[in-house]
N, C-alpha and C. Protein backbone atom coordinates (compact mmCIF):
# COMPACT_ATOMS: atom_id res chain seq x y z
N MET A 1 -30.80 25.77 1.11
CA MET A 1 -29.35 26.22 1.51
C MET A 1 -28.24 25.16 1.43
N LEU A 2 -27.09 25.57 1.09
CA LEU A 2 -25.97 24.74 0.95
C LEU A 2 -25.47 24.19 2.30
N GLU A 3 -25.15 22.96 2.35
CA GLU A 3 -24.64 22.34 3.22
C GLU A 3 -23.15 22.67 3.32
N PRO A 4 -22.34 22.97 4.43
CA PRO A 4 -20.79 23.20 4.24
C PRO A 4 -20.31 21.73 3.84
N LYS A 5 -19.04 21.96 3.34
CA LYS A 5 -18.46 20.80 2.80
C LYS A 5 -17.60 20.45 4.01
N ARG A 6 -17.55 19.05 4.19
CA ARG A 6 -16.93 18.41 5.22
C ARG A 6 -15.33 18.29 4.83
N LYS A 7 -14.48 18.34 5.66
CA LYS A 7 -13.16 17.98 5.17
C LYS A 7 -12.89 16.57 5.37
N LYS A 8 -12.14 16.05 4.39
CA LYS A 8 -11.82 14.72 4.42
C LYS A 8 -10.76 14.38 5.56
N LYS A 9 -11.01 13.30 6.12
CA LYS A 9 -10.13 12.67 7.12
C LYS A 9 -8.75 12.52 6.54
N VAL A 10 -7.58 12.91 7.20
CA VAL A 10 -6.31 12.81 6.65
C VAL A 10 -5.64 11.70 7.54
N ASP A 11 -5.16 10.55 6.80
CA ASP A 11 -4.43 9.57 7.55
C ASP A 11 -3.01 9.82 7.61
N TYR A 12 -2.82 10.75 8.78
CA TYR A 12 -1.27 11.23 9.16
C TYR A 12 -0.34 9.79 9.38
N GLU A 13 -1.07 9.12 9.94
CA GLU A 13 -0.06 7.72 10.27
C GLU A 13 0.50 7.20 9.09
N ALA A 14 -0.40 6.96 8.19
CA ALA A 14 0.00 6.34 6.75
C ALA A 14 0.90 7.18 5.99
N LEU A 15 0.74 8.79 6.06
CA LEU A 15 1.44 9.56 5.32
C LEU A 15 2.80 9.60 6.03
N ASN A 16 2.99 9.48 7.28
CA ASN A 16 4.45 9.64 7.81
C ASN A 16 5.00 8.21 7.85
N SER A 17 4.37 7.15 7.26
CA SER A 17 5.11 5.73 7.36
C SER A 17 6.15 5.68 6.52
N PRO A 18 7.31 4.87 6.85
CA PRO A 18 8.32 4.82 5.97
C PRO A 18 7.83 4.07 4.66
N LEU A 19 6.60 3.50 4.60
CA LEU A 19 5.94 2.70 3.32
C LEU A 19 5.96 3.74 2.35
N MET A 20 5.68 4.95 2.81
CA MET A 20 5.22 5.97 1.80
C MET A 20 6.63 6.46 0.90
N GLN A 21 7.72 5.84 1.27
CA GLN A 21 9.04 6.08 0.67
C GLN A 21 8.98 5.30 -0.76
N ILE A 22 8.08 4.13 -0.74
CA ILE A 22 8.13 3.45 -1.81
C ILE A 22 7.26 4.49 -3.00
N PRO A 23 8.06 4.53 -4.32
CA PRO A 23 7.64 5.40 -5.34
C PRO A 23 6.00 4.95 -5.73
N ARG A 24 5.30 5.93 -5.90
CA ARG A 24 3.88 5.73 -6.24
C ARG A 24 3.05 4.91 -5.30
N MET A 25 3.40 4.78 -4.20
CA MET A 25 2.58 4.02 -3.30
C MET A 25 1.44 4.89 -2.83
N SER A 26 0.32 4.34 -2.70
CA SER A 26 -1.03 5.09 -2.24
C SER A 26 -1.15 5.12 -0.85
N VAL A 27 -1.72 6.11 -0.38
CA VAL A 27 -1.92 6.29 0.99
C VAL A 27 -2.76 5.07 1.64
N GLU A 28 -3.87 4.52 0.81
CA GLU A 28 -4.85 3.64 1.05
C GLU A 28 -4.35 2.34 1.17
N ALA A 29 -3.23 1.95 0.15
CA ALA A 29 -2.68 0.90 0.35
C ALA A 29 -1.70 0.87 1.50
N THR A 30 -0.97 1.84 1.76
CA THR A 30 0.06 1.86 2.96
C THR A 30 -0.97 1.67 4.14
N ARG A 31 -2.19 2.19 4.38
CA ARG A 31 -2.98 2.15 5.46
C ARG A 31 -3.33 0.59 5.50
N ASN A 32 -3.58 -0.18 4.52
CA ASN A 32 -3.84 -1.52 4.41
C ASN A 32 -2.81 -2.30 5.12
N LEU A 33 -1.51 -1.99 4.64
CA LEU A 33 -0.39 -2.75 5.17
C LEU A 33 -0.28 -2.29 6.65
N LEU A 34 -0.44 -1.16 6.94
CA LEU A 34 -0.38 -0.82 8.76
C LEU A 34 -1.38 -1.67 9.32
N ASP A 35 -2.70 -1.76 8.83
CA ASP A 35 -3.52 -2.36 9.37
C ASP A 35 -3.18 -4.00 9.75
N ILE A 36 -2.49 -4.52 8.98
CA ILE A 36 -1.88 -5.85 9.05
C ILE A 36 -0.63 -6.25 9.69
N GLY A 37 -0.06 -5.06 10.38
CA GLY A 37 1.05 -4.94 10.94
C GLY A 37 2.29 -4.68 10.31
N ILE A 38 2.22 -4.31 8.94
CA ILE A 38 3.46 -4.11 8.33
C ILE A 38 3.96 -2.56 8.40
N ARG A 39 5.09 -2.29 9.02
CA ARG A 39 5.36 -0.90 9.35
C ARG A 39 6.49 -0.38 8.80
N GLU A 40 7.39 -1.34 8.29
CA GLU A 40 8.73 -0.75 7.57
C GLU A 40 8.89 -1.74 6.42
N ILE A 41 9.59 -1.11 5.36
CA ILE A 41 9.66 -1.57 4.13
C ILE A 41 10.42 -2.94 4.08
N PHE A 42 11.39 -3.14 5.00
CA PHE A 42 11.90 -4.59 5.00
C PHE A 42 11.22 -5.71 5.53
N GLU A 43 10.08 -5.38 6.31
CA GLU A 43 8.92 -6.45 6.73
C GLU A 43 8.28 -7.05 5.54
N LEU A 44 8.44 -6.41 4.35
CA LEU A 44 7.81 -7.05 3.04
C LEU A 44 8.64 -7.85 2.22
N GLN A 45 9.85 -8.13 2.75
CA GLN A 45 10.81 -8.99 2.07
C GLN A 45 10.39 -10.49 2.26
N GLY A 46 10.42 -11.13 1.01
CA GLY A 46 10.09 -12.51 1.34
C GLY A 46 8.47 -12.71 1.45
N ARG A 47 7.75 -11.77 1.51
CA ARG A 47 6.17 -11.97 1.74
C ARG A 47 5.66 -12.21 0.39
N ALA A 48 4.64 -12.79 0.37
CA ALA A 48 3.66 -13.10 -0.84
C ALA A 48 2.54 -12.05 -0.93
N PRO A 49 2.71 -11.14 -2.22
CA PRO A 49 1.69 -10.17 -2.23
C PRO A 49 0.37 -10.65 -2.14
N GLU A 50 0.29 -11.91 -2.71
CA GLU A 50 -1.24 -12.42 -2.43
C GLU A 50 -1.78 -12.71 -0.96
N VAL A 51 -0.79 -13.14 -0.17
CA VAL A 51 -1.13 -13.39 1.29
C VAL A 51 -1.29 -12.11 1.87
N LEU A 52 -0.59 -11.11 1.61
CA LEU A 52 -0.73 -9.61 2.19
C LEU A 52 -2.06 -9.32 1.62
N HIS A 53 -2.71 -9.49 0.48
CA HIS A 53 -3.99 -8.93 0.05
C HIS A 53 -4.99 -9.78 0.81
N GLU A 54 -4.86 -11.00 1.09
CA GLU A 54 -5.69 -11.82 1.74
C GLU A 54 -5.90 -11.54 3.24
N GLU A 55 -4.57 -11.16 3.97
CA GLU A 55 -4.75 -10.58 5.31
C GLU A 55 -5.51 -9.32 5.44
N ALA A 56 -5.12 -8.41 4.61
CA ALA A 56 -5.74 -7.05 4.53
C ALA A 56 -7.27 -7.18 4.17
N ARG A 57 -7.63 -8.04 3.26
CA ARG A 57 -9.10 -8.33 2.98
C ARG A 57 -9.81 -8.74 4.17
N GLN A 58 -9.12 -9.68 4.96
CA GLN A 58 -9.83 -10.01 6.24
C GLN A 58 -10.13 -8.89 7.31
N LYS A 59 -9.14 -8.10 7.25
CA LYS A 59 -9.27 -6.83 8.29
C LYS A 59 -10.32 -5.81 7.76
N ASN A 60 -10.39 -5.74 6.31
CA ASN A 60 -11.20 -4.67 5.31
C ASN A 60 -11.91 -5.53 4.42
N ALA A 61 -13.31 -5.73 4.52
CA ALA A 61 -14.08 -6.60 3.55
C ALA A 61 -14.30 -5.79 2.22
N GLY A 62 -14.36 -4.34 2.51
CA GLY A 62 -14.37 -3.75 1.38
C GLY A 62 -13.25 -3.34 0.46
N LEU A 63 -12.03 -4.00 0.80
CA LEU A 63 -10.75 -3.96 -0.03
C LEU A 63 -11.01 -3.99 -1.44
N PRO A 64 -10.48 -2.97 -2.27
CA PRO A 64 -10.71 -3.26 -3.83
C PRO A 64 -9.86 -4.29 -4.20
N ALA A 65 -10.28 -4.96 -5.24
CA ALA A 65 -9.42 -6.15 -5.69
C ALA A 65 -8.23 -5.58 -6.27
N ASP A 66 -8.11 -4.42 -6.96
CA ASP A 66 -6.81 -3.94 -7.60
C ASP A 66 -5.91 -3.31 -6.55
N ARG A 67 -6.15 -3.46 -5.44
CA ARG A 67 -5.03 -3.06 -4.44
C ARG A 67 -3.78 -4.12 -4.46
N ILE A 68 -3.87 -5.21 -4.95
CA ILE A 68 -2.82 -6.13 -4.91
C ILE A 68 -1.64 -5.83 -5.72
N ARG A 69 -2.00 -4.79 -6.75
CA ARG A 69 -1.03 -4.23 -7.67
C ARG A 69 0.05 -3.37 -6.85
N PHE A 70 -0.47 -2.72 -5.87
CA PHE A 70 0.40 -1.87 -4.84
C PHE A 70 1.29 -2.95 -4.07
N PHE A 71 0.67 -3.99 -3.52
CA PHE A 71 1.35 -4.71 -2.79
C PHE A 71 2.34 -5.41 -3.51
N ARG A 72 1.99 -6.02 -4.71
CA ARG A 72 3.05 -6.58 -5.59
C ARG A 72 4.20 -5.51 -5.89
N MET A 73 3.88 -4.41 -6.01
CA MET A 73 4.80 -3.27 -6.41
C MET A 73 5.77 -3.03 -5.11
N ALA A 74 5.38 -2.92 -3.66
CA ALA A 74 5.71 -2.76 -2.57
C ALA A 74 6.88 -3.88 -2.19
N VAL A 75 6.47 -5.08 -2.56
CA VAL A 75 7.28 -6.26 -2.35
C VAL A 75 8.58 -6.20 -3.16
N TYR A 76 8.27 -5.76 -4.51
CA TYR A 76 9.25 -5.74 -5.44
C TYR A 76 10.34 -4.89 -4.98
N TYR A 77 9.86 -3.68 -4.71
CA TYR A 77 10.68 -2.52 -3.97
C TYR A 77 11.49 -2.98 -2.88
N ALA A 78 10.90 -3.65 -1.98
CA ALA A 78 11.59 -4.17 -0.84
C ALA A 78 12.75 -5.18 -1.18
N GLU A 79 12.56 -6.09 -2.02
CA GLU A 79 13.24 -7.20 -2.43
C GLU A 79 14.39 -6.78 -3.35
N ASN A 80 14.47 -5.66 -3.80
CA ASN A 80 15.44 -5.28 -4.93
C ASN A 80 16.24 -3.82 -4.40
N GLU A 81 17.53 -4.01 -4.36
CA GLU A 81 18.37 -2.63 -4.08
C GLU A 81 18.18 -1.82 -4.98
N GLN A 82 18.16 -2.12 -6.37
CA GLN A 82 18.23 -1.17 -7.30
C GLN A 82 16.99 -1.69 -8.28
N PRO A 83 15.83 -1.28 -7.92
CA PRO A 83 14.70 -1.64 -8.73
C PRO A 83 14.43 -1.08 -9.98
N ASP A 84 13.95 -1.67 -11.02
CA ASP A 84 13.75 -1.14 -12.45
C ASP A 84 12.79 -0.05 -12.20
N PRO A 85 12.81 1.20 -12.74
CA PRO A 85 11.96 2.20 -12.77
C PRO A 85 10.54 1.82 -13.49
N LYS A 86 10.66 0.83 -14.34
CA LYS A 86 9.29 0.52 -15.12
C LYS A 86 8.43 -0.17 -14.15
N CYS A 87 9.16 -0.94 -13.28
CA CYS A 87 8.31 -1.64 -12.39
C CYS A 87 7.92 -1.10 -11.09
N LEU A 88 8.04 0.32 -11.03
CA LEU A 88 7.88 0.92 -10.08
C LEU A 88 6.40 1.94 -10.22
N HIS A 89 5.54 1.32 -10.67
CA HIS A 89 4.34 1.93 -11.01
C HIS A 89 3.26 0.71 -10.89
N PRO A 90 2.07 0.96 -10.10
CA PRO A 90 1.12 0.11 -9.95
C PRO A 90 0.64 -0.55 -11.28
N ASP A 91 0.59 0.08 -12.23
CA ASP A 91 -0.15 -0.44 -13.69
C ASP A 91 0.86 -1.60 -14.14
N ALA A 92 2.13 -1.56 -13.85
CA ALA A 92 3.09 -2.60 -14.38
C ALA A 92 2.73 -3.88 -13.50
N TRP A 93 1.85 -3.90 -12.60
CA TRP A 93 1.69 -5.13 -11.95
C TRP A 93 0.26 -5.50 -11.96
N SER A 94 -0.46 -5.12 -13.06
CA SER A 94 -1.98 -5.55 -13.31
C SER A 94 -2.03 -7.00 -13.57
């Protein structure tokens, strides 16, 4: 007999976070930033993405290595009033 499918947990806090206003920001990366105390976009200004990644890795040992792309993109977005649309994609930060 087939087991009923379980619903995925929805991270409403991350989904409703101001960080989700960053174009192409993932819910998972937003959750990582929330876990290290980053709640607002302006809090990313002047922060080193590598340091953010290391702090997130300390909270979550299973953090994917490619998550730093989202952190770089988020810091870029926070520090630029008119960001270049080409830079607002995680693949631009590989």
